[in-house]
Amino acid sequence: MSLAHSNKTSSHLKNIYDVAHFAGSLKTVASLTNGPIKDFNVMTLNSHCSAEVSILTLSSNIKHKITSDNILMYSPENDITIIQKNSSHITVKKRDLLHIYDSQNGIIEITGKKIILIKINTI
């Protein structure tokens, strides 16, 4: 997919899970270069918060340090399990969204394959 923005910048997303960042106030035109897609958008109000999006590719259980009080996790391909530091388990079904808030900057263990992790940072 190619994105052309009114400020004359562009983004070319060639692979699954490629990420583009741009201001929502820009007029943006998308061109699909390899047929239909499913996209995942994160929009924030810059005066209130910002978002950091990362893609976790897991081959086994990993431990991930939470560094934000607001975390969103989305798994488009498979169920994921989160084991918190108090040993409680949370199972997130494929295509469900999990919001972890007030994490107290703990460490969680995650199982799954591909996870979209969004850290929401309050301004």
PDB file of N, CA and C in Angstrom:
ATOM      1  N   MET A   1       0.847  -1.157   0.000  1.00  0.00           N
ATOM      2  CA  MET A   1       0.000   0.000   0.000  1.00  0.00           C
ATOM      3  C   MET A   1       0.904   1.235   0.000  1.00  0.00           C
ATOM      4  N   SER A   2       0.514   2.216  -0.772  1.00  0.00           N
ATOM      5  CA  SER A   2       1.220   3.493  -0.788  1.00  0.00           C
ATOM      6  C   SER A   2       0.291   4.569  -0.247  1.00  0.00           C
ATOM      7  N   LEU A   3       0.848   5.441   0.584  1.00  0.00           N
ATOM      8  CA  LEU A   3       0.102   6.556   1.149  1.00  0.00           C
ATOM      9  C   LEU A   3       0.739   7.854   0.662  1.00  0.00           C
ATOM     10  N   ALA A   4      -0.064   8.740   0.082  1.00  0.00           N
ATOM     11  CA  ALA A   4       0.412  10.051  -0.357  1.00  0.00           C
ATOM     12  C   ALA A   4      -0.314  11.104   0.476  1.00  0.00           C
ATOM     13  N   HIS A   5       0.460  12.001   1.070  1.00  0.00           N
ATOM     14  CA  HIS A   5      -0.093  13.000   1.988  1.00  0.00           C
ATOM     15  C   HIS A   5      -0.050  14.394   1.364  1.00  0.00           C
ATOM     16  N   SER A   6      -0.927  15.263   1.841  1.00  0.00           N
ATOM     17  CA  SER A   6      -1.036  16.617   1.295  1.00  0.00           C
ATOM     18  C   SER A   6       0.196  17.474   1.546  1.00  0.00           C
ATOM     19  N   ASN A   7       1.077  17.083   2.447  1.00  0.00           N
ATOM     20  CA  ASN A   7       2.321  17.826   2.679  1.00  0.00           C
ATOM     21  C   ASN A   7       3.449  17.327   1.771  1.00  0.00           C
ATOM     22  N   LYS A   8       3.075  16.557   0.743  1.00  0.00           N
ATOM     23  CA  LYS A   8       4.006  16.034  -0.271  1.00  0.00           C
ATOM     24  C   LYS A   8       4.901  14.896   0.223  1.00  0.00           C
ATOM     25  N   THR A   9       4.622  14.336   1.411  1.00  0.00           N
ATOM     26  CA  THR A   9       5.362  13.160   1.868  1.00  0.00           C
ATOM     27  C   THR A   9       4.574  11.913   1.494  1.00  0.00           C
ATOM     28  N   SER A  10       5.240  10.772   1.553  1.00  0.00           N
ATOM     29  CA  SER A  10       4.555   9.520   1.233  1.00  0.00           C
ATOM     30  C   SER A  10       5.146   8.392   2.062  1.00  0.00           C
ATOM     31  N   SER A  11       4.388   7.313   2.155  1.00  0.00           N
ATOM     32  CA  SER A  11       4.823   6.097   2.843  1.00  0.00           C
ATOM     33  C   SER A  11       4.503   4.922   1.938  1.00  0.00           C
ATOM     34  N   HIS A  12       5.420   3.955   1.901  1.00  0.00           N
ATOM     35  CA  HIS A  12       5.206   2.759   1.094  1.00  0.00           C
ATOM     36  C   HIS A  12       5.290   1.551   2.023  1.00  0.00           C
ATOM     37  N   LEU A  13       4.178   0.889   2.217  1.00  0.00           N
ATOM     38  CA  LEU A  13       4.092  -0.274   3.099  1.00  0.00           C
ATOM     39  C   LEU A  13       4.124  -1.516   2.213  1.00  0.00           C
ATOM     40  N   LYS A  14       5.223  -2.255   2.279  1.00  0.00           N
ATOM     41  CA  LYS A  14       5.421  -3.386   1.372  1.00  0.00           C
ATOM     42  C   LYS A  14       5.139  -4.727   2.027  1.00  0.00           C
ATOM     43  N   ASN A  15       5.336  -4.809   3.331  1.00  0.00           N
ATOM     44  CA  ASN A  15       5.224  -6.087   4.028  1.00  0.00           C
ATOM     45  C   ASN A  15       4.108  -6.035   5.062  1.00  0.00           C
ATOM     46  N   ILE A  16       3.577  -7.194   5.374  1.00  0.00           N
ATOM     47  CA  ILE A  16       2.581  -7.277   6.428  1.00  0.00           C
ATOM     48  C   ILE A  16       3.195  -6.722   7.718  1.00  0.00           C
ATOM     49  N   TYR A  17       2.444  -5.966   8.456  1.00  0.00           N
ATOM     50  CA  TYR A  17       2.841  -5.329   9.714  1.00  0.00           C
ATOM     51  C   TYR A  17       3.781  -4.133   9.547  1.00  0.00           C
ATOM     52  N   ASP A  18       3.998  -3.650   8.327  1.00  0.00           N
ATOM     53  CA  ASP A  18       4.721  -2.392   8.183  1.00  0.00           C
ATOM     54  C   ASP A  18       3.896  -1.276   8.828  1.00  0.00           C
ATOM     55  N   VAL A  19       4.576  -0.269   9.366  1.00  0.00           N
ATOM     56  CA  VAL A  19       3.912   0.814  10.102  1.00  0.00           C
ATOM     57  C   VAL A  19       4.227   2.147   9.438  1.00  0.00           C
ATOM     58  N   ALA A  20       3.229   3.011   9.348  1.00  0.00           N
ATOM     59  CA  ALA A  20       3.415   4.377   8.860  1.00  0.00           C
ATOM     60  C   ALA A  20       2.897   5.334   9.924  1.00  0.00           C
ATOM     61  N   HIS A  21       3.608   6.447  10.105  1.00  0.00           N
ATOM     62  CA  HIS A  21       3.202   7.485  11.052  1.00  0.00           C
ATOM     63  C   HIS A  21       2.957   8.771  10.278  1.00  0.00           C
ATOM     64  N   PHE A  22       1.809   9.398  10.504  1.00  0.00           N
ATOM     65  CA  PHE A  22       1.536  10.684   9.860  1.00  0.00           C
ATOM     66  C   PHE A  22       0.426  11.397  10.622  1.00  0.00           C
ATOM     67  N   ALA A  23       0.388  12.706  10.469  1.00  0.00           N
ATOM     68  CA  ALA A  23      -0.624  13.523  11.141  1.00  0.00           C
ATOM     69  C   ALA A  23      -1.994  13.261  10.522  1.00  0.00           C
ATOM     70  N   GLY A  24      -2.977  13.051  11.368  1.00  0.00           N
ATOM     71  CA  GLY A  24      -4.336  12.798  10.890  1.00  0.00           C
ATOM     72  C   GLY A  24      -4.968  14.008  10.220  1.00  0.00           C
ATOM     73  N   SER A  25      -4.397  15.170  10.425  1.00  0.00           N
ATOM     74  CA  SER A  25      -4.939  16.386   9.809  1.00  0.00           C
ATOM     75  C   SER A  25      -4.571  16.492   8.327  1.00  0.00           C
ATOM     76  N   LEU A  26      -3.639  15.668   7.866  1.00  0.00           N
ATOM     77  CA  LEU A  26      -3.247  15.684   6.462  1.00  0.00           C
ATOM     78  C   LEU A  26      -4.284  14.982   5.600  1.00  0.00           C
ATOM     79  N   LYS A  27      -4.506  15.496   4.418  1.00  0.00           N
ATOM     80  CA  LYS A  27      -5.313  14.773   3.443  1.00  0.00           C
ATOM     81  C   LYS A  27      -4.435  13.644   2.930  1.00  0.00           C
ATOM     82  N   THR A  28      -4.936  12.417   3.014  1.00  0.00           N
ATOM     83  CA  THR A  28      -4.140  11.238   2.664  1.00  0.00           C
ATOM     84  C   THR A  28      -4.902  10.382   1.664  1.00  0.00           C
ATOM     85  N   VAL A  29      -4.197   9.959   0.630  1.00  0.00           N
ATOM     86  CA  VAL A  29      -4.775   9.079  -0.382  1.00  0.00           C
ATOM     87  C   VAL A  29      -3.998   7.771  -0.354  1.00  0.00           C
ATOM     88  N   ALA A  30      -4.719   6.651  -0.272  1.00  0.00           N
ATOM     89  CA  ALA A  30      -4.088   5.331  -0.238  1.00  0.00           C
ATOM     90  C   ALA A  30      -4.285   4.623  -1.572  1.00  0.00           C
ATOM     91  N   SER A  31      -3.240   3.945  -2.015  1.00  0.00           N
ATOM     92  CA  SER A  31      -3.305   3.120  -3.222  1.00  0.00           C
ATOM     93  C   SER A  31      -2.903   1.709  -2.844  1.00  0.00           C
ATOM     94  N   LEU A  32      -3.772   0.755  -3.143  1.00  0.00           N
ATOM     95  CA  LEU A  32      -3.464  -0.654  -2.862  1.00  0.00           C
ATOM     96  C   LEU A  32      -2.659  -1.210  -4.019  1.00  0.00           C
ATOM     97  N   THR A  33      -1.460  -1.706  -3.720  1.00  0.00           N
ATOM     98  CA  THR A  33      -0.571  -2.177  -4.772  1.00  0.00           C
ATOM     99  C   THR A  33      -0.598  -3.691  -4.957  1.00  0.00           C
ATOM    100  N   ASN A  34      -1.104  -4.434  -3.957  1.00  0.00           N
ATOM    101  CA  ASN A  34      -1.149  -5.895  -4.040  1.00  0.00           C
ATOM    102  C   ASN A  34      -2.509  -6.438  -3.644  1.00  0.00           C
ATOM    103  N   GLY A  35      -3.577  -5.782  -4.020  1.00  0.00           N
ATOM    104  CA  GLY A  35      -4.915  -6.258  -3.712  1.00  0.00           C
ATOM    105  C   GLY A  35      -5.418  -5.781  -2.365  1.00  0.00           C
ATOM    106  N   PRO A  36      -6.579  -6.297  -1.931  1.00  0.00           N
ATOM    107  CA  PRO A  36      -7.223  -5.852  -0.689  1.00  0.00           C
ATOM    108  C   PRO A  36      -6.360  -6.105   0.546  1.00  0.00           C
ATOM    109  N   ILE A  37      -6.567  -5.289   1.566  1.00  0.00           N
ATOM    110  CA  ILE A  37      -5.827  -5.417   2.822  1.00  0.00           C
ATOM    111  C   ILE A  37      -6.782  -5.276   3.999  1.00  0.00           C
ATOM    112  N   LYS A  38      -6.294  -5.631   5.162  1.00  0.00           N
ATOM    113  CA  LYS A  38      -6.929  -5.302   6.435  1.00  0.00           C
ATOM    114  C   LYS A  38      -5.916  -4.439   7.165  1.00  0.00           C
ATOM    115  N   ASP A  39      -6.342  -3.254   7.575  1.00  0.00           N
ATOM    116  CA  ASP A  39      -5.395  -2.385   8.258  1.00  0.00           C
ATOM    117  C   ASP A  39      -5.808  -2.161   9.700  1.00  0.00           C
ATOM    118  N   PHE A  40      -4.878  -1.660  10.464  1.00  0.00           N
ATOM    119  CA  PHE A  40      -5.057  -1.413  11.896  1.00  0.00           C
ATOM    120  C   PHE A  40      -4.567   0.004  12.146  1.00  0.00           C
ATOM    121  N   ASN A  41      -5.466   0.863  12.614  1.00  0.00           N
ATOM    122  CA  ASN A  41      -5.137   2.271  12.798  1.00  0.00           C
ATOM    123  C   ASN A  41      -5.163   2.656  14.267  1.00  0.00           C
ATOM    124  N   VAL A  42      -4.213   3.486  14.666  1.00  0.00           N
ATOM    125  CA  VAL A  42      -4.174   4.057  16.009  1.00  0.00           C
ATOM    126  C   VAL A  42      -4.184   5.565  15.830  1.00  0.00           C
ATOM    127  N   MET A  43      -5.191   6.217  16.373  1.00  0.00           N
ATOM    128  CA  MET A  43      -5.299   7.667  16.281  1.00  0.00           C
ATOM    129  C   MET A  43      -5.347   8.250  17.686  1.00  0.00           C
ATOM    130  N   THR A  44      -4.597   9.336  17.896  1.00  0.00           N
ATOM    131  CA  THR A  44      -4.575   9.975  19.210  1.00  0.00           C
ATOM    132  C   THR A  44      -4.816  11.464  19.063  1.00  0.00           C
ATOM    133  N   LEU A  45      -5.257  12.070  20.134  1.00  0.00           N
ATOM    134  CA  LEU A  45      -5.389  13.519  20.206  1.00  0.00           C
ATOM    135  C   LEU A  45      -4.089  14.026  20.819  1.00  0.00           C
ATOM    136  N   ASN A  46      -3.231  14.625  20.008  1.00  0.00           N
ATOM    137  CA  ASN A  46      -1.868  14.969  20.429  1.00  0.00           C
ATOM    138  C   ASN A  46      -1.800  15.833  21.675  1.00  0.00           C
ATOM    139  N   SER A  47      -2.829  16.600  21.960  1.00  0.00           N
ATOM    140  CA  SER A  47      -2.798  17.437  23.163  1.00  0.00           C
ATOM    141  C   SER A  47      -3.048  16.611  24.431  1.00  0.00           C
ATOM    142  N   HIS A  48      -3.475  15.358  24.295  1.00  0.00           N
ATOM    143  CA  HIS A  48      -3.776  14.508  25.454  1.00  0.00           C
ATOM    144  C   HIS A  48      -2.830  13.319  25.608  1.00  0.00           C
ATOM    145  N   CYS A  49      -2.424  12.726  24.480  1.00  0.00           N
ATOM    146  CA  CYS A  49      -1.595  11.530  24.564  1.00  0.00           C
ATOM    147  C   CYS A  49      -0.869  11.278  23.250  1.00  0.00           C
ATOM    148  N   SER A  50       0.080  10.376  23.315  1.00  0.00           N
ATOM    149  CA  SER A  50       0.768   9.894  22.119  1.00  0.00           C
ATOM    150  C   SER A  50       0.773   8.368  22.191  1.00  0.00           C
ATOM    151  N   ALA A  51       1.041   7.737  21.070  1.00  0.00           N
ATOM    152  CA  ALA A  51       1.057   6.272  21.027  1.00  0.00           C
ATOM    153  C   ALA A  51       2.351   5.787  20.398  1.00  0.00           C
ATOM    154  N   GLU A  52       2.879   4.700  20.946  1.00  0.00           N
ATOM    155  CA  GLU A  52       4.032   4.004  20.371  1.00  0.00           C
ATOM    156  C   GLU A  52       3.550   2.617  19.964  1.00  0.00           C
ATOM    157  N   VAL A  53       3.636   2.314  18.686  1.00  0.00           N
ATOM    158  CA  VAL A  53       3.180   1.024  18.166  1.00  0.00           C
ATOM    159  C   VAL A  53       4.397   0.169  17.849  1.00  0.00           C
ATOM    160  N   SER A  54       4.385  -1.057  18.336  1.00  0.00           N
ATOM    161  CA  SER A  54       5.451  -1.995  17.988  1.00  0.00           C
ATOM    162  C   SER A  54       4.837  -3.359  17.709  1.00  0.00           C
ATOM    163  N   ILE A  55       5.540  -4.132  16.934  1.00  0.00           N
ATOM    164  CA  ILE A  55       5.096  -5.479  16.572  1.00  0.00           C
ATOM    165  C   ILE A  55       6.021  -6.466  17.277  1.00  0.00           C
ATOM    166  N   LEU A  56       5.450  -7.331  18.096  1.00  0.00           N
ATOM    167  CA  LEU A  56       6.225  -8.374  18.768  1.00  0.00           C
ATOM    168  C   LEU A  56       6.037  -9.680  18.001  1.00  0.00           C
ATOM    169  N   THR A  57       7.145 -10.263  17.580  1.00  0.00           N
ATOM    170  CA  THR A  57       7.119 -11.581  16.950  1.00  0.00           C
ATOM    171  C   THR A  57       7.743 -12.542  17.942  1.00  0.00           C
ATOM    172  N   LEU A  58       6.951 -13.486  18.403  1.00  0.00           N
ATOM    173  CA  LEU A  58       7.387 -14.377  19.474  1.00  0.00           C
ATOM    174  C   LEU A  58       7.634 -15.780  18.948  1.00  0.00           C
ATOM    175  N   SER A  59       8.736 -16.371  19.363  1.00  0.00           N
ATOM    176  CA  SER A  59       8.990 -17.773  19.034  1.00  0.00           C
ATOM    177  C   SER A  59       8.783 -18.645  20.271  1.00  0.00           C
ATOM    178  N   SER A  60       8.763 -18.011  21.446  1.00  0.00           N
ATOM    179  CA  SER A  60       8.497 -18.715  22.702  1.00  0.00           C
ATOM    180  C   SER A  60       8.023 -17.672  23.703  1.00  0.00           C
ATOM    181  N   ASN A  61       7.799 -18.093  24.940  1.00  0.00           N
ATOM    182  CA  ASN A  61       7.373 -17.143  25.969  1.00  0.00           C
ATOM    183  C   ASN A  61       8.441 -16.072  26.123  1.00  0.00           C
ATOM    184  N   ILE A  62       8.001 -14.827  26.201  1.00  0.00           N
ATOM    185  CA  ILE A  62       8.950 -13.751  26.476  1.00  0.00           C
ATOM    186  C   ILE A  62       8.460 -12.977  27.678  1.00  0.00           C
ATOM    187  N   LYS A  63       9.367 -12.304  28.331  1.00  0.00           N
ATOM    188  CA  LYS A  63       9.001 -11.400  29.407  1.00  0.00           C
ATOM    189  C   LYS A  63       9.148  -9.997  28.867  1.00  0.00           C
ATOM    190  N   HIS A  64       8.151  -9.187  29.091  1.00  0.00           N
ATOM    191  CA  HIS A  64       8.140  -7.833  28.560  1.00  0.00           C
ATOM    192  C   HIS A  64       7.911  -6.863  29.701  1.00  0.00           C
ATOM    193  N   LYS A  65       8.776  -5.880  29.825  1.00  0.00           N
ATOM    194  CA  LYS A  65       8.625  -4.884  30.883  1.00  0.00           C
ATOM    195  C   LYS A  65       7.635  -3.828  30.418  1.00  0.00           C
ATOM    196  N   ILE A  66       6.619  -3.608  31.218  1.00  0.00           N
ATOM    197  CA  ILE A  66       5.633  -2.569  30.934  1.00  0.00           C
ATOM    198  C   ILE A  66       6.206  -1.237  31.386  1.00  0.00           C
ATOM    199  N   THR A  67       6.273  -0.279  30.482  1.00  0.00           N
ATOM    200  CA  THR A  67       6.826   1.030  30.824  1.00  0.00           C
ATOM    201  C   THR A  67       5.800   2.132  30.623  1.00  0.00           C
ATOM    202  N   SER A  68       4.557   1.777  30.661  1.00  0.00           N
ATOM    203  CA  SER A  68       3.479   2.748  30.491  1.00  0.00           C
ATOM    204  C   SER A  68       2.305   2.306  31.347  1.00  0.00           C
ATOM    205  N   ASP A  69       1.504   3.251  31.788  1.00  0.00           N
ATOM    206  CA  ASP A  69       0.319   2.897  32.556  1.00  0.00           C
ATOM    207  C   ASP A  69      -0.850   2.474  31.672  1.00  0.00           C
ATOM    208  N   ASN A  70      -0.737   2.685  30.376  1.00  0.00           N
ATOM    209  CA  ASN A  70      -1.789   2.291  29.448  1.00  0.00           C
ATOM    210  C   ASN A  70      -1.179   1.517  28.288  1.00  0.00           C
ATOM    211  N   ILE A  71      -1.527   0.251  28.198  1.00  0.00           N
ATOM    212  CA  ILE A  71      -1.030  -0.625  27.135  1.00  0.00           C
ATOM    213  C   ILE A  71      -2.232  -1.270  26.449  1.00  0.00           C
ATOM    214  N   LEU A  72      -2.198  -1.309  25.140  1.00  0.00           N
ATOM    215  CA  LEU A  72      -3.180  -2.060  24.364  1.00  0.00           C
ATOM    216  C   LEU A  72      -2.442  -3.186  23.656  1.00  0.00           C
ATOM    217  N   MET A  73      -3.039  -4.378  23.653  1.00  0.00           N
ATOM    218  CA  MET A  73      -2.460  -5.524  22.945  1.00  0.00           C
ATOM    219  C   MET A  73      -3.519  -6.096  22.020  1.00  0.00           C
ATOM    220  N   TYR A  74      -3.106  -6.362  20.791  1.00  0.00           N
ATOM    221  CA  TYR A  74      -3.999  -6.920  19.782  1.00  0.00           C
ATOM    222  C   TYR A  74      -3.270  -8.054  19.070  1.00  0.00           C
ATOM    223  N   SER A  75      -3.933  -9.172  18.932  1.00  0.00           N
ATOM    224  CA  SER A  75      -3.340 -10.320  18.254  1.00  0.00           C
ATOM    225  C   SER A  75      -4.206 -10.697  17.055  1.00  0.00           C
ATOM    226  N   PRO A  76      -3.779 -10.324  15.862  1.00  0.00           N
ATOM    227  CA  PRO A  76      -4.601 -10.595  14.677  1.00  0.00           C
ATOM    228  C   PRO A  76      -4.577 -12.040  14.206  1.00  0.00           C
ATOM    229  N   GLU A  77      -3.607 -12.843  14.657  1.00  0.00           N
ATOM    230  CA  GLU A  77      -3.427 -14.181  14.095  1.00  0.00           C
ATOM    231  C   GLU A  77      -3.749 -15.333  15.033  1.00  0.00           C
ATOM    232  N   ASN A  78      -3.647 -15.122  16.342  1.00  0.00           N
ATOM    233  CA  ASN A  78      -3.791 -16.250  17.267  1.00  0.00           C
ATOM    234  C   ASN A  78      -4.135 -15.747  18.664  1.00  0.00           C
ATOM    235  N   ASP A  79      -4.581 -16.660  19.526  1.00  0.00           N
ATOM    236  CA  ASP A  79      -4.808 -16.305  20.930  1.00  0.00           C
ATOM    237  C   ASP A  79      -3.455 -16.006  21.581  1.00  0.00           C
ATOM    238  N   ILE A  80      -3.474 -15.141  22.586  1.00  0.00           N
ATOM    239  CA  ILE A  80      -2.273 -14.884  23.368  1.00  0.00           C
ATOM    240  C   ILE A  80      -2.616 -15.054  24.844  1.00  0.00           C
ATOM    241  N   THR A  81      -1.618 -15.392  25.625  1.00  0.00           N
ATOM    242  CA  THR A  81      -1.789 -15.505  27.068  1.00  0.00           C
ATOM    243  C   THR A  81      -0.796 -14.571  27.733  1.00  0.00           C
ATOM    244  N   ILE A  82      -1.282 -13.847  28.711  1.00  0.00           N
ATOM    245  CA  ILE A  82      -0.450 -12.923  29.468  1.00  0.00           C
ATOM    246  C   ILE A  82      -0.425 -13.406  30.904  1.00  0.00           C
ATOM    247  N   ILE A  83       0.785 -13.553  31.444  1.00  0.00           N
ATOM    248  CA  ILE A  83       0.955 -13.958  32.838  1.00  0.00           C
ATOM    249  C   ILE A  83       1.555 -12.759  33.565  1.00  0.00           C
ATOM    250  N   GLN A  84       0.774 -12.189  34.477  1.00  0.00           N
ATOM    251  CA  GLN A  84       1.235 -11.012  35.196  1.00  0.00           C
ATOM    252  C   GLN A  84       2.148 -11.417  36.340  1.00  0.00           C
ATOM    253  N   LYS A  85       2.816 -10.418  36.938  1.00  0.00           N
ATOM    254  CA  LYS A  85       3.793 -10.751  37.984  1.00  0.00           C
ATOM    255  C   LYS A  85       3.155 -11.375  39.210  1.00  0.00           C
ATOM    256  N   ASN A  86       1.830 -11.225  39.390  1.00  0.00           N
ATOM    257  CA  ASN A  86       1.146 -11.902  40.499  1.00  0.00           C
ATOM    258  C   ASN A  86       0.687 -13.303  40.093  1.00  0.00           C
ATOM    259  N   SER A  87       1.139 -13.771  38.925  1.00  0.00           N
ATOM    260  CA  SER A  87       0.858 -15.102  38.369  1.00  0.00           C
ATOM    261  C   SER A  87      -0.556 -15.272  37.822  1.00  0.00           C
ATOM    262  N   SER A  88      -1.358 -14.214  37.789  1.00  0.00           N
ATOM    263  CA  SER A  88      -2.684 -14.346  37.178  1.00  0.00           C
ATOM    264  C   SER A  88      -2.528 -14.422  35.655  1.00  0.00           C
ATOM    265  N   HIS A  89      -3.401 -15.227  35.032  1.00  0.00           N
ATOM    266  CA  HIS A  89      -3.365 -15.454  33.588  1.00  0.00           C
ATOM    267  C   HIS A  89      -4.538 -14.736  32.928  1.00  0.00           C
ATOM    268  N   ILE A  90      -4.270 -14.135  31.785  1.00  0.00           N
ATOM    269  CA  ILE A  90      -5.310 -13.528  30.962  1.00  0.00           C
ATOM    270  C   ILE A  90      -5.145 -14.118  29.567  1.00  0.00           C
ATOM    271  N   THR A  91      -6.226 -14.680  29.016  1.00  0.00           N
ATOM    272  CA  THR A  91      -6.195 -15.168  27.644  1.00  0.00           C
ATOM    273  C   THR A  91      -6.946 -14.177  26.773  1.00  0.00           C
ATOM    274  N   VAL A  92      -6.299 -13.744  25.719  1.00  0.00           N
ATOM    275  CA  VAL A  92      -6.895 -12.815  24.767  1.00  0.00           C
ATOM    276  C   VAL A  92      -7.123 -13.583  23.479  1.00  0.00           C
ATOM    277  N   LYS A  93      -8.375 -13.664  23.073  1.00  0.00           N
ATOM    278  CA  LYS A  93      -8.720 -14.407  21.865  1.00  0.00           C
ATOM    279  C   LYS A  93      -8.249 -13.659  20.624  1.00  0.00           C
ATOM    280  N   LYS A  94      -7.988 -14.403  19.586  1.00  0.00           N
ATOM    281  CA  LYS A  94      -7.603 -13.848  18.292  1.00  0.00           C
ATOM    282  C   LYS A  94      -8.567 -12.727  17.899  1.00  0.00           C
ATOM    283  N   ARG A  95      -8.024 -11.581  17.503  1.00  0.00           N
ATOM    284  CA  ARG A  95      -8.741 -10.385  17.063  1.00  0.00           C
ATOM    285  C   ARG A  95      -9.458  -9.636  18.186  1.00  0.00           C
ATOM    286  N   ASP A  96      -9.202  -9.996  19.459  1.00  0.00           N
ATOM    287  CA  ASP A  96      -9.709  -9.203  20.585  1.00  0.00           C
ATOM    288  C   ASP A  96      -8.632  -8.213  21.004  1.00  0.00           C
ATOM    289  N   LEU A  97      -9.058  -7.149  21.651  1.00  0.00           N
ATOM    290  CA  LEU A  97      -8.145  -6.107  22.112  1.00  0.00           C
ATOM    291  C   LEU A  97      -8.120  -6.122  23.632  1.00  0.00           C
ATOM    292  N   LEU A  98      -6.922  -6.094  24.207  1.00  0.00           N
ATOM    293  CA  LEU A  98      -6.766  -6.062  25.655  1.00  0.00           C
ATOM    294  C   LEU A  98      -6.203  -4.711  26.057  1.00  0.00           C
ATOM    295  N   HIS A  99      -6.810  -4.091  27.055  1.00  0.00           N
ATOM    296  CA  HIS A  99      -6.320  -2.817  27.605  1.00  0.00           C
ATOM    297  C   HIS A  99      -5.807  -3.086  29.008  1.00  0.00           C
ATOM    298  N   ILE A 100      -4.519  -2.865  29.220  1.00  0.00           N
ATOM    299  CA  ILE A 100      -3.918  -2.989  30.547  1.00  0.00           C
ATOM    300  C   ILE A 100      -3.633  -1.576  31.026  1.00  0.00           C
ATOM    301  N   TYR A 101      -4.217  -1.208  32.132  1.00  0.00           N
ATOM    302  CA  TYR A 101      -3.982   0.120  32.676  1.00  0.00           C
ATOM    303  C   TYR A 101      -3.539  -0.010  34.126  1.00  0.00           C
ATOM    304  N   ASP A 102      -2.888   1.019  34.606  1.00  0.00           N
ATOM    305  CA  ASP A 102      -2.360   1.029  35.972  1.00  0.00           C
ATOM    306  C   ASP A 102      -1.482  -0.192  36.205  1.00  0.00           C
ATOM    307  N   SER A 103      -0.567  -0.422  35.264  1.00  0.00           N
ATOM    308  CA  SER A 103       0.285  -1.606  35.336  1.00  0.00           C
ATOM    309  C   SER A 103       1.360  -1.503  36.408  1.00  0.00           C
ATOM    310  N   GLN A 104       1.589  -0.321  36.913  1.00  0.00           N
ATOM    311  CA  GLN A 104       2.622  -0.064  37.919  1.00  0.00           C
ATOM    312  C   GLN A 104       3.986  -0.500  37.405  1.00  0.00           C
ATOM    313  N   ASN A 105       4.176  -0.343  36.091  1.00  0.00           N
ATOM    314  CA  ASN A 105       5.457  -0.646  35.449  1.00  0.00           C
ATOM    315  C   ASN A 105       5.994  -2.024  35.831  1.00  0.00           C
ATOM    316  N   GLY A 106       5.159  -3.022  35.699  1.00  0.00           N
ATOM    317  CA  GLY A 106       5.556  -4.379  36.051  1.00  0.00           C
ATOM    318  C   GLY A 106       6.112  -5.136  34.864  1.00  0.00           C
ATOM    319  N   ILE A 107       6.422  -6.393  35.099  1.00  0.00           N
ATOM    320  CA  ILE A 107       6.900  -7.272  34.037  1.00  0.00           C
ATOM    321  C   ILE A 107       5.830  -8.328  33.812  1.00  0.00           C
ATOM    322  N   ILE A 108       5.476  -8.523  32.550  1.00  0.00           N
ATOM    323  CA  ILE A 108       4.500  -9.553  32.213  1.00  0.00           C
ATOM    324  C   ILE A 108       5.168 -10.553  31.273  1.00  0.00           C
ATOM    325  N   GLU A 109       4.658 -11.760  31.288  1.00  0.00           N
ATOM    326  CA  GLU A 109       5.123 -12.794  30.374  1.00  0.00           C
ATOM    327  C   GLU A 109       4.038 -12.993  29.337  1.00  0.00           C
ATOM    328  N   ILE A 110       4.431 -13.066  28.068  1.00  0.00           N
ATOM    329  CA  ILE A 110       3.473 -13.145  26.967  1.00  0.00           C
ATOM    330  C   ILE A 110       3.757 -14.410  26.166  1.00  0.00           C
ATOM    331  N   THR A 111       2.694 -15.142  25.825  1.00  0.00           N
ATOM    332  CA  THR A 111       2.829 -16.249  24.885  1.00  0.00           C
ATOM    333  C   THR A 111       1.931 -15.961  23.695  1.00  0.00           C
ATOM    334  N   GLY A 112       2.336 -16.369  22.541  1.00  0.00           N
ATOM    335  CA  GLY A 112       1.590 -16.127  21.310  1.00  0.00           C
ATOM    336  C   GLY A 112       2.580 -16.099  20.167  1.00  0.00           C
ATOM    337  N   LYS A 113       2.180 -15.585  19.019  1.00  0.00           N
ATOM    338  CA  LYS A 113       3.089 -15.539  17.869  1.00  0.00           C
ATOM    339  C   LYS A 113       3.347 -14.119  17.405  1.00  0.00           C
ATOM    340  N   LYS A 114       2.320 -13.372  17.093  1.00  0.00           N
ATOM    341  CA  LYS A 114       2.466 -12.022  16.569  1.00  0.00           C
ATOM    342  C   LYS A 114       1.512 -11.130  17.344  1.00  0.00           C
ATOM    343  N   ILE A 115       2.042 -10.061  17.936  1.00  0.00           N
ATOM    344  CA  ILE A 115       1.233  -9.170  18.778  1.00  0.00           C
ATOM    345  C   ILE A 115       1.511  -7.733  18.389  1.00  0.00           C
ATOM    346  N   ILE A 116       0.451  -6.958  18.244  1.00  0.00           N
ATOM    347  CA  ILE A 116       0.591  -5.517  18.067  1.00  0.00           C
ATOM    348  C   ILE A 116       0.474  -4.907  19.448  1.00  0.00           C
ATOM    349  N   LEU A 117       1.523  -4.212  19.864  1.00  0.00           N
ATOM    350  CA  LEU A 117       1.592  -3.614  21.198  1.00  0.00           C
ATOM    351  C   LEU A 117       1.544  -2.097  21.044  1.00  0.00           C
ATOM    352  N   ILE A 118       0.606  -1.459  21.722  1.00  0.00           N
ATOM    353  CA  ILE A 118       0.452  -0.010  21.654  1.00  0.00           C
ATOM    354  C   ILE A 118       0.603   0.557  23.061  1.00  0.00           C
ATOM    355  N   LYS A 119       1.632   1.402  23.249  1.00  0.00           N
ATOM    356  CA  LYS A 119       1.829   2.088  24.520  1.00  0.00           C
ATOM    357  C   LYS A 119       1.199   3.470  24.380  1.00  0.00           C
ATOM    358  N   ILE A 120       0.269   3.788  25.279  1.00  0.00           N
ATOM    359  CA  ILE A 120      -0.370   5.106  25.282  1.00  0.00           C
ATOM    360  C   ILE A 120       0.320   5.942  26.354  1.00  0.00           C
ATOM    361  N   ASN A 121       0.918   7.048  25.947  1.00  0.00           N
ATOM    362  CA  ASN A 121       1.623   7.925  26.853  1.00  0.00           C
ATOM    363  C   ASN A 121       0.815   9.216  27.043  1.00  0.00           C
ATOM    364  N   THR A 122       0.402   9.464  28.276  1.00  0.00           N
ATOM    365  CA  THR A 122      -0.381  10.657  28.585  1.00  0.00           C
ATOM    366  C   THR A 122       0.534  11.867  28.644  1.00  0.00           C
ATOM    367  N   ILE A 123       0.055  12.977  28.111  1.00  0.00           N
ATOM    368  CA  ILE A 123       0.849  14.213  28.101  1.00  0.00           C
ATOM    369  C   ILE A 123       0.461  15.090  29.276  1.00  0.00           C
TER     370      ILE A 123
END
